[in-house]
């Protein structure tokens, strides 16, 4: 039987190299420990009998009232989850560590697919069995996860053969309404700018523009946005190559210049109409009608943005580009000009285009919160459906061609059963109280 040893890791360069070489994501990176300043952290590595590294795990810790210490391994360990012996050895080791440190439970949510667009993955079923045999217990209700729901909307950026998808081909695959919003964006004065930590050091007002976008989005969707200090910290930790803010701006001067071109074209058409051949009259009239509609929209934009300046951030988001995946951490759109532009569609397409330009394999559009779930007869997590207030968000993300990925779920390794029972009882109360506090903060900021 293969023997494994585990230890605290101090060689973070080797830790990070293993994460990247074995398909790890940003949540499993050593950098994530620097981001989560309110949590304690520890790094672990596992080795086989030959001394080769076979596992890495970032462990975050904090104390909860009435529950005691809990540990969380973001996105699970980086390892071969089909190696049952390795999981069993790691579980035994972690239980010893937890009892020595007085920890109540370890939460573990591996990025192992259980279903893709409703189709079951055999590997996910097998890994569930391995985790259960190793002593982990599945959280049967995915609406009550400690950190993140086990559903992500993922857009592949390469074919199964490894060929990159072009933005043009991708755009053709979008739903009709999305295609229209993307195509008219530039003709209405939208431009994009990508900002890094270095840019923000030179111009801190970039964060103010991003904050305005997220504030409007937060108020519409009833969540509490992160503060500018947290965003700036994230950008510094991951650096200019791995994280950026993309903002979509309404450039009023550009829009005005295009309107002048339309008016010049309108004058040409009106001059040509009286003597135009009969077969061209219909086309001229249709083009004139189109120009009139565009002018009406332009005038609405000018009126709505009167006094707001010539360059206005109307949409944007924070994205981490790590190990072949671009992950959308935050994003949204201003209420200003929202109906005129539908800027979220244009923004998300440009965000995807940047992921393609960086030659990433996958664009992660983010999670959705879920309704209560059940357990399948084989013990795996049952079907995951978006919570009512996330159905629209889920449909929006699917409109870009994203796959609906259901992961195997959240698993818990319990070291203190009595305190963990208290955690389960206090979970709903704690979440409700936190939501109320957040709403009060929003109303009084």
Protein backbone atom coordinates (compact mmCIF):
# COMPACT_ATOMS: atom_id res chain seq x y z
CA UNK A 1 0.00 0.00 0.00
CA UNK A 2 1.31 3.43 -0.96
CA UNK A 3 2.53 5.47 2.01
CA UNK A 4 2.07 9.24 2.23
CA UNK A 5 3.46 11.89 4.54
CA UNK A 6 2.19 15.42 5.13
CA UNK A 7 3.78 18.51 6.58
CA UNK A 8 3.47 22.24 6.99
CA UNK A 9 4.85 23.87 3.88
CA UNK A 10 7.34 26.74 4.03
CA UNK A 11 8.54 26.59 0.41
CA UNK A 12 5.75 28.66 -1.11
CA UNK A 13 7.44 28.77 -4.52
CA UNK A 14 7.28 24.96 -4.70
CA UNK A 15 3.73 25.04 -3.34
CA UNK A 16 2.62 27.52 -6.02
CA UNK A 17 4.43 25.63 -8.77
CA UNK A 18 2.56 22.43 -7.85
CA UNK A 19 -0.79 24.25 -7.83
CA UNK A 20 -0.20 25.61 -11.33
CA UNK A 21 1.24 22.36 -12.72
CA UNK A 22 -1.80 20.40 -11.54
CA UNK A 23 -4.68 22.55 -12.71
CA UNK A 24 -5.20 24.56 -9.53
CA UNK A 25 -7.27 27.75 -9.46
CA UNK A 26 -6.67 31.10 -7.79
CA UNK A 27 -8.51 30.04 -4.61
CA UNK A 28 -5.89 27.31 -4.09
CA UNK A 29 -2.99 29.68 -4.65
CA UNK A 30 -0.70 30.80 -1.85
CA UNK A 31 -1.70 34.34 -2.86
CA UNK A 32 -5.26 33.73 -1.66
CA UNK A 33 -3.97 33.53 1.91
CA UNK A 34 -2.67 37.09 1.52
CA UNK A 35 -6.09 38.20 0.30
CA UNK A 36 -8.04 36.72 3.22
CA UNK A 37 -6.46 38.89 5.89
CA UNK A 38 -9.24 38.24 8.42
CA UNK A 39 -8.52 34.49 8.38
CA UNK A 40 -5.51 32.69 9.78
CA UNK A 41 -3.78 30.46 7.26
CA UNK A 42 -1.53 27.45 6.93
CA UNK A 43 -0.01 25.63 3.97
CA UNK A 44 0.29 21.86 3.75
CA UNK A 45 2.00 19.56 1.26
CA UNK A 46 1.76 15.80 0.88
CA UNK A 47 4.48 13.49 -0.45
CA UNK A 48 4.59 9.90 -1.65
CA UNK A 49 7.12 7.28 -0.62
CA UNK A 50 9.56 8.55 -3.26
CA UNK A 51 9.45 12.06 -1.83
CA UNK A 52 7.49 13.52 -4.73
CA UNK A 53 4.92 16.17 -3.88
CA UNK A 54 1.41 14.82 -4.56
CA UNK A 55 -0.85 17.28 -2.72
CA UNK A 56 -1.06 20.90 -1.64
CA UNK A 57 -3.71 22.48 0.56
CA UNK A 58 -4.27 26.05 1.68
CA UNK A 59 -6.11 26.03 5.01
CA UNK A 60 -7.89 29.16 6.21
CA UNK A 61 -9.11 29.41 9.77
CA UNK A 62 -11.32 31.57 11.94
CA UNK A 63 -13.40 31.33 15.10
CA UNK A 64 -17.20 31.51 15.21
CA UNK A 65 -19.18 32.34 18.36
CA UNK A 66 -20.54 29.19 19.95
CA UNK A 67 -18.83 26.99 17.36
CA UNK A 68 -15.13 27.49 17.98
CA UNK A 69 -12.44 27.25 15.36
CA UNK A 70 -13.28 26.14 11.85
CA UNK A 71 -10.94 25.45 8.95
CA UNK A 72 -11.69 25.92 5.30
CA UNK A 73 -9.74 24.54 2.34
CA UNK A 74 -10.79 26.77 -0.61
CA UNK A 75 -11.71 24.69 -3.66
CA UNK A 76 -10.29 21.66 -1.84
CA UNK A 77 -6.75 20.36 -1.98
CA UNK A 78 -4.82 20.13 -5.24
CA UNK A 79 -4.37 16.40 -5.71
CA UNK A 80 -5.57 13.30 -7.55
CA UNK A 81 -9.06 12.83 -6.13
CA UNK A 82 -9.35 9.40 -7.70
CA UNK A 83 -6.53 8.21 -5.44
CA UNK A 84 -8.58 6.88 -2.52
CA UNK A 85 -5.51 5.98 -0.44
CA UNK A 86 -4.16 9.52 -0.69
CA UNK A 87 -7.48 11.03 0.42
CA UNK A 88 -7.73 8.62 3.35
CA UNK A 89 -4.18 9.42 4.49
CA UNK A 90 -4.79 13.16 4.14
CA UNK A 91 -8.04 12.91 6.09
CA UNK A 92 -6.37 11.02 8.94
CA UNK A 93 -3.56 13.56 9.07
CA UNK A 94 -5.92 16.54 9.09
CA UNK A 95 -8.03 15.04 11.88
CA UNK A 96 -4.91 14.81 14.03
CA UNK A 97 -3.99 18.40 13.19
CA UNK A 98 -7.52 19.61 13.93
CA UNK A 99 -7.75 17.88 17.31
CA UNK A 100 -4.35 19.21 18.31
CA UNK A 101 -5.42 22.76 17.35
CA UNK A 102 -8.92 22.47 18.87
CA UNK A 103 -10.69 22.84 15.52
CA UNK A 104 -14.35 21.91 15.19
CA UNK A 105 -14.50 21.02 11.49
CA UNK A 106 -12.75 21.32 8.14
CA UNK A 107 -14.84 22.46 5.15
CA UNK A 108 -13.77 21.15 1.78
CA UNK A 109 -15.31 21.98 -1.62
CA UNK A 110 -13.31 20.38 -4.45
CA UNK A 111 -13.60 21.62 -8.04
CA UNK A 112 -14.61 18.18 -9.30
CA UNK A 113 -17.48 18.15 -11.80
CA UNK A 114 -20.55 16.12 -10.92
CA UNK A 115 -22.81 17.32 -13.76
CA UNK A 116 -22.24 19.47 -16.84
CA UNK A 117 -25.45 20.87 -18.35
CA UNK A 118 -27.33 18.16 -16.48
CA UNK A 119 -25.15 15.27 -17.69
CA UNK A 120 -23.55 13.24 -14.89
CA UNK A 121 -19.77 12.80 -14.83
CA UNK A 122 -18.63 9.39 -13.64
CA UNK A 123 -15.48 10.86 -12.09
CA UNK A 124 -17.58 13.04 -9.81
CA UNK A 125 -19.54 10.04 -8.56
CA UNK A 126 -16.31 8.12 -7.91
CA UNK A 127 -14.66 11.02 -6.10
CA UNK A 128 -17.72 11.42 -3.88
CA UNK A 129 -17.31 7.78 -2.85
CA UNK A 130 -13.61 8.30 -2.12
CA UNK A 131 -14.28 11.33 0.06
CA UNK A 132 -16.98 9.54 2.05
CA UNK A 133 -14.68 6.56 2.60
CA UNK A 134 -12.02 9.00 3.79
CA UNK A 135 -14.36 10.29 6.50
CA UNK A 136 -15.81 13.40 4.83
CA UNK A 137 -19.56 14.07 5.04
CA UNK A 138 -21.46 15.71 2.20
CA UNK A 139 -23.44 18.84 3.01
CA UNK A 140 -26.72 17.69 1.48
CA UNK A 141 -28.14 21.22 1.23
CA UNK A 142 -26.02 23.29 -1.17
CA UNK A 143 -27.98 26.43 -0.27
CA UNK A 144 -26.16 26.36 3.08
CA UNK A 145 -22.51 26.32 2.10
CA UNK A 146 -19.89 28.00 4.25
CA UNK A 147 -18.22 29.91 1.43
CA UNK A 148 -19.39 29.23 -2.12
CA UNK A 149 -22.19 27.39 -3.87
CA UNK A 150 -21.12 24.39 -5.98
CA UNK A 151 -22.34 25.83 -9.29
CA UNK A 152 -20.29 27.89 -11.74
CA UNK A 153 -21.08 29.14 -15.25
CA UNK A 154 -18.04 28.29 -17.39
CA UNK A 155 -17.37 29.25 -20.99
CA UNK A 156 -14.74 27.13 -22.80
CA UNK A 157 -12.42 29.29 -24.90
CA UNK A 158 -10.85 26.40 -26.80
CA UNK A 159 -12.24 23.42 -28.66
CA UNK A 160 -11.63 19.89 -27.33
CA UNK A 161 -8.73 19.78 -29.83
CA UNK A 162 -7.17 22.87 -28.25
CA UNK A 163 -8.07 25.35 -31.01
CA UNK A 164 -8.82 28.85 -29.74
CA UNK A 165 -12.34 30.15 -30.25
CA UNK A 166 -12.34 33.51 -32.04
CA UNK A 167 -14.41 36.42 -30.69
CA UNK A 168 -16.28 36.61 -34.01
CA UNK A 169 -17.29 32.95 -33.91
CA UNK A 170 -18.22 33.23 -30.28
CA UNK A 171 -20.40 36.27 -30.91
CA UNK A 172 -22.35 34.38 -33.57
CA UNK A 173 -23.21 31.70 -30.97
CA UNK A 174 -24.82 34.21 -28.56
CA UNK A 175 -28.54 34.74 -28.29
CA UNK A 176 -29.97 37.32 -30.71
CA UNK A 177 -30.57 40.02 -28.11
CA UNK A 178 -27.04 39.68 -26.76
CA UNK A 179 -25.55 39.91 -30.26
CA UNK A 180 -27.51 43.10 -30.92
CA UNK A 181 -26.41 44.77 -27.68
CA UNK A 182 -22.77 43.90 -28.34
CA UNK A 183 -22.82 45.16 -31.92
CA UNK A 184 -24.49 48.50 -31.19
CA UNK A 185 -22.25 49.25 -28.21
CA UNK A 186 -19.40 50.85 -30.12
CA UNK A 187 -21.81 52.75 -32.40
CA UNK A 188 -23.25 54.42 -29.31
CA UNK A 189 -19.96 55.65 -27.94
CA UNK A 190 -18.87 52.78 -25.67
CA UNK A 191 -15.16 52.17 -25.20
CA UNK A 192 -13.23 49.85 -22.90
CA UNK A 193 -10.23 50.46 -20.69
CA UNK A 194 -8.30 47.87 -18.69
CA UNK A 195 -6.84 49.17 -15.43
CA UNK A 196 -4.18 47.46 -13.30
CA UNK A 197 -2.83 48.12 -9.81
CA UNK A 198 -0.12 50.29 -11.34
CA UNK A 199 -2.72 52.40 -13.14
CA UNK A 200 -4.70 52.87 -9.93
CA UNK A 201 -1.61 53.98 -8.03
CA UNK A 202 -1.22 56.72 -10.64
CA UNK A 203 -4.95 57.55 -10.71
CA UNK A 204 -6.91 56.50 -7.57
CA UNK A 205 -10.14 57.87 -9.07
CA UNK A 206 -10.33 54.68 -11.15
CA UNK A 207 -11.46 52.89 -7.99
CA UNK A 208 -14.10 55.56 -7.42
CA UNK A 209 -15.52 54.90 -10.90
CA UNK A 210 -15.54 51.16 -10.27
CA UNK A 211 -17.16 51.71 -6.87
CA UNK A 212 -19.97 53.70 -8.52
CA UNK A 213 -20.65 50.79 -10.87
CA UNK A 214 -20.71 48.25 -8.06
CA UNK A 215 -22.84 50.48 -5.81
CA UNK A 216 -25.63 50.73 -8.38
CA UNK A 217 -25.40 46.98 -9.01
CA UNK A 218 -25.49 46.26 -5.28
CA UNK A 219 -28.56 48.41 -4.72
CA UNK A 220 -30.43 46.69 -7.59
CA UNK A 221 -29.53 43.16 -6.58
CA UNK A 222 -29.52 43.52 -2.78
CA UNK A 223 -25.95 42.54 -1.94
CA UNK A 224 -23.18 44.43 -0.17
CA UNK A 225 -20.32 45.50 -2.39
CA UNK A 226 -16.69 45.24 -1.33
CA UNK A 227 -14.91 48.43 -0.37
CA UNK A 228 -12.25 50.10 -2.49
CA UNK A 229 -9.52 49.17 0.02
CA UNK A 230 -10.28 45.46 -0.45
CA UNK A 231 -10.27 45.79 -4.25
CA UNK A 232 -6.96 47.64 -4.19
CA UNK A 233 -5.50 44.96 -1.92
CA UNK A 234 -6.64 42.19 -4.28
CA UNK A 235 -5.01 43.95 -7.22
CA UNK A 236 -1.73 44.35 -5.35
CA UNK A 237 -1.63 40.70 -4.24
CA UNK A 238 -2.17 39.21 -7.70
CA UNK A 239 -0.29 41.88 -9.60
CA UNK A 240 -0.73 43.49 -13.00
CA UNK A 241 -0.40 40.25 -14.98
CA UNK A 242 -3.00 38.26 -13.04
CA UNK A 243 -5.69 40.76 -12.11
CA UNK A 244 -7.31 43.83 -13.60
CA UNK A 245 -10.38 46.03 -13.63
CA UNK A 246 -12.10 46.50 -16.97
CA UNK A 247 -14.34 49.54 -17.20
CA UNK A 248 -16.70 50.34 -20.06
CA UNK A 249 -16.99 54.08 -20.57
CA UNK A 250 -19.52 56.15 -22.42
CA UNK A 251 -17.38 58.52 -24.48
CA UNK A 252 -19.71 61.43 -25.21
CA UNK A 253 -17.27 63.11 -27.59
CA UNK A 254 -16.98 59.93 -29.66
CA UNK A 255 -20.77 59.55 -29.65
CA UNK A 256 -21.20 63.18 -30.75
CA UNK A 257 -18.68 62.73 -33.57
CA UNK A 258 -20.56 59.66 -34.82
CA UNK A 259 -23.83 61.58 -34.66
CA UNK A 260 -22.26 64.28 -36.84
CA UNK A 261 -21.31 61.58 -39.35
CA UNK A 262 -24.88 60.28 -39.30
CA UNK A 263 -26.26 63.77 -39.94
CA UNK A 264 -23.87 64.21 -42.85
CA UNK A 265 -25.01 60.87 -44.25
CA UNK A 266 -28.63 61.90 -43.71
CA UNK A 267 -28.07 65.09 -45.75
CA UNK A 268 -26.57 63.03 -48.59
CA UNK A 269 -29.50 60.63 -48.61
CA UNK A 270 -32.10 63.40 -48.52
CA UNK A 271 -30.36 65.14 -51.41
CA UNK A 272 -30.24 61.92 -53.43
CA UNK A 273 -33.81 60.81 -52.73
CA UNK A 274 -35.72 63.04 -55.23
CA UNK A 275 -33.73 61.75 -58.24
CA UNK A 276 -32.99 58.23 -57.04
CA UNK A 277 -34.02 55.26 -59.24
CA UNK A 278 -37.21 53.61 -58.07
CA UNK A 279 -35.38 50.44 -57.06
CA UNK A 280 -33.19 52.42 -54.62
CA UNK A 281 -35.88 54.59 -53.02
CA UNK A 282 -36.97 51.97 -50.51
CA UNK A 283 -33.41 51.38 -49.33
CA UNK A 284 -32.76 55.10 -48.91
CA UNK A 285 -35.94 55.58 -46.90
CA UNK A 286 -35.10 52.63 -44.65
CA UNK A 287 -31.62 54.03 -43.99
CA UNK A 288 -33.09 57.45 -43.21
CA UNK A 289 -35.52 55.86 -40.78
CA UNK A 290 -32.65 54.03 -39.10
CA UNK A 291 -30.68 57.27 -38.75
CA UNK A 292 -33.68 58.98 -37.16
CA UNK A 293 -33.99 56.21 -34.59
CA UNK A 294 -30.27 56.39 -33.81
CA UNK A 295 -30.48 60.16 -33.45
CA UNK A 296 -33.39 59.82 -31.03
CA UNK A 297 -31.35 57.40 -28.88
CA UNK A 298 -28.37 59.77 -29.05
CA UNK A 299 -30.47 62.69 -27.86
CA UNK A 300 -31.74 60.57 -24.95
CA UNK A 301 -28.15 59.75 -23.97
CA UNK A 302 -27.08 63.39 -24.09
CA UNK A 303 -30.04 64.46 -22.00
CA UNK A 304 -29.56 61.73 -19.38
CA UNK A 305 -25.84 62.49 -18.98
CA UNK A 306 -26.14 66.28 -18.94
CA UNK A 307 -23.54 67.65 -16.52
CA UNK A 308 -21.96 64.23 -15.92
CA UNK A 309 -18.83 64.86 -18.00
CA UNK A 310 -17.60 63.51 -21.31
CA UNK A 311 -16.26 60.13 -20.11
CA UNK A 312 -18.57 58.13 -17.84
CA UNK A 313 -17.97 54.61 -16.49
CA UNK A 314 -21.20 52.68 -17.14
CA UNK A 315 -20.13 49.06 -16.53
CA UNK A 316 -17.14 47.09 -15.33
CA UNK A 317 -15.69 44.25 -13.35
CA UNK A 318 -12.70 42.79 -11.54
CA UNK A 319 -11.16 39.69 -13.15
CA UNK A 320 -8.38 37.35 -12.03
CA UNK A 321 -6.41 35.62 -14.79
CA UNK A 322 -4.77 32.62 -13.15
CA UNK A 323 -3.40 29.40 -14.59
CA UNK A 324 -5.37 29.39 -17.83
CA UNK A 325 -8.65 30.61 -16.38
CA UNK A 326 -10.17 34.08 -16.23
CA UNK A 327 -12.53 34.30 -13.24
CA UNK A 328 -15.05 37.12 -12.87
CA UNK A 329 -14.93 38.17 -9.22
CA UNK A 330 -17.09 41.29 -9.32
CA UNK A 331 -19.00 43.02 -12.07
CA UNK A 332 -22.03 45.10 -12.88
CA UNK A 333 -23.48 48.18 -14.56
CA UNK A 334 -24.54 51.69 -13.57
CA UNK A 335 -28.20 52.64 -13.54
CA UNK A 336 -27.19 55.60 -15.70
CA UNK A 337 -27.90 54.84 -19.39
CA UNK A 338 -28.64 51.22 -18.48
CA UNK A 339 -31.73 50.92 -20.68
CA UNK A 340 -30.17 52.87 -23.56
CA UNK A 341 -27.03 50.73 -23.73
CA UNK A 342 -27.64 47.34 -22.09
CA UNK A 343 -23.95 47.83 -21.36
CA UNK A 344 -23.68 44.58 -19.36
CA UNK A 345 -23.82 42.59 -22.59
CA UNK A 346 -21.15 44.69 -24.26
CA UNK A 347 -18.99 44.61 -21.14
CA UNK A 348 -19.16 40.84 -20.70
CA UNK A 349 -18.31 40.26 -24.35
CA UNK A 350 -15.28 42.53 -24.10
CA UNK A 351 -14.31 40.76 -20.88
CA UNK A 352 -14.46 37.42 -22.71
CA UNK A 353 -12.44 38.88 -25.59
CA UNK A 354 -9.70 39.82 -23.14
CA UNK A 355 -9.67 36.26 -21.78
CA UNK A 356 -9.21 34.99 -25.34
CA UNK A 357 -6.45 37.52 -26.00
CA UNK A 358 -4.64 36.23 -22.89
CA UNK A 359 -4.92 32.70 -24.39
CA UNK A 360 -6.81 31.32 -21.43
CA UNK A 361 -8.68 28.03 -21.68
CA UNK A 362 -11.81 28.94 -19.73
CA UNK A 363 -13.78 32.06 -18.84
CA UNK A 364 -15.52 31.67 -15.48
CA UNK A 365 -18.61 33.89 -15.33
CA UNK A 366 -19.09 33.15 -11.64
CA UNK A 367 -21.48 31.40 -9.30
CA UNK A 368 -25.19 31.40 -8.61
CA UNK A 369 -26.84 30.90 -5.23
CA UNK A 370 -29.09 27.89 -4.97
CA UNK A 371 -32.40 26.61 -3.71
CA UNK A 372 -32.25 23.85 -1.07
CA UNK A 373 -30.97 20.61 -2.58
CA UNK A 374 -31.56 16.93 -1.93
CA UNK A 375 -29.36 13.85 -2.18
CA UNK A 376 -29.40 11.37 -5.05
CA UNK A 377 -29.95 7.65 -4.38
CA UNK A 378 -26.19 7.07 -4.85
CA UNK A 379 -25.43 9.61 -2.10
CA UNK A 380 -24.20 12.38 -4.41
CA UNK A 381 -25.57 15.91 -4.38
CA UNK A 382 -28.94 16.21 -6.08
CA UNK A 383 -29.82 18.67 -8.87
CA UNK A 384 -28.84 22.28 -8.14
CA UNK A 385 -31.31 24.96 -9.20
CA UNK A 386 -30.74 28.74 -8.94
CA UNK A 387 -32.44 30.57 -6.12
CA UNK A 388 -35.38 32.66 -7.36
CA UNK A 389 -33.43 35.91 -7.15
CA UNK A 390 -30.56 34.35 -9.12
CA UNK A 391 -32.62 32.87 -11.96
CA UNK A 392 -32.24 36.03 -14.05
CA UNK A 393 -28.51 36.22 -13.34
CA UNK A 394 -28.12 32.56 -14.29
CA UNK A 395 -30.04 33.06 -17.55
CA UNK A 396 -27.89 36.12 -18.31
CA UNK A 397 -24.69 34.10 -17.92
CA UNK A 398 -26.06 31.22 -19.99
CA UNK A 399 -26.88 33.67 -22.79
CA UNK A 400 -23.14 33.87 -23.51
CA UNK A 401 -22.97 30.15 -24.18
CA UNK A 402 -21.64 29.19 -20.75
CA UNK A 403 -21.89 25.63 -19.44
CA UNK A 404 -23.81 25.07 -16.20
CA UNK A 405 -21.29 23.21 -14.03
CA UNK A 406 -22.46 21.44 -10.87
CA UNK A 407 -19.54 20.40 -8.70
CA UNK A 408 -19.67 17.55 -6.21
CA UNK A 409 -20.42 19.97 -3.37
CA UNK A 410 -19.22 20.92 0.07
CA UNK A 411 -17.80 18.19 2.32
CA UNK A 412 -17.04 18.43 6.03
CA UNK A 413 -14.49 16.59 8.14
CA UNK A 414 -15.75 16.82 11.72
CA UNK A 415 -13.39 16.73 14.69
CA UNK A 416 -15.83 17.90 17.39
CA UNK A 417 -19.36 16.58 16.84
CA UNK A 418 -20.99 18.63 19.62
CA UNK A 419 -19.65 21.96 18.38
CA UNK A 420 -20.40 21.07 14.78
CA UNK A 421 -24.01 20.39 15.79
CA UNK A 422 -24.05 23.93 17.18
CA UNK A 423 -22.69 25.23 13.87
CA UNK A 424 -25.51 23.56 11.92
CA UNK A 425 -28.14 25.01 14.25
CA UNK A 426 -26.66 28.51 14.19
CA UNK A 427 -26.03 28.64 10.44
CA UNK A 428 -29.43 29.91 9.35
CA UNK A 429 -29.67 32.39 12.22
CA UNK A 430 -26.17 33.71 11.52
CA UNK A 431 -26.79 34.14 7.80
CA UNK A 432 -30.07 35.95 8.43
CA UNK A 433 -28.50 38.28 10.98
CA UNK A 434 -25.60 39.07 8.65
CA UNK A 435 -27.98 39.88 5.79
CA UNK A 436 -29.93 42.32 8.00
CA UNK A 437 -26.74 44.05 9.17
CA UNK A 438 -25.53 44.42 5.58
CA UNK A 439 -28.82 46.02 4.52
CA UNK A 440 -28.62 48.50 7.41
CA UNK A 441 -25.03 49.40 6.49
CA UNK A 442 -26.07 50.00 2.88
CA UNK A 443 -28.87 52.32 3.91
CA UNK A 444 -26.72 54.36 6.29
CA UNK A 445 -23.40 54.61 4.42
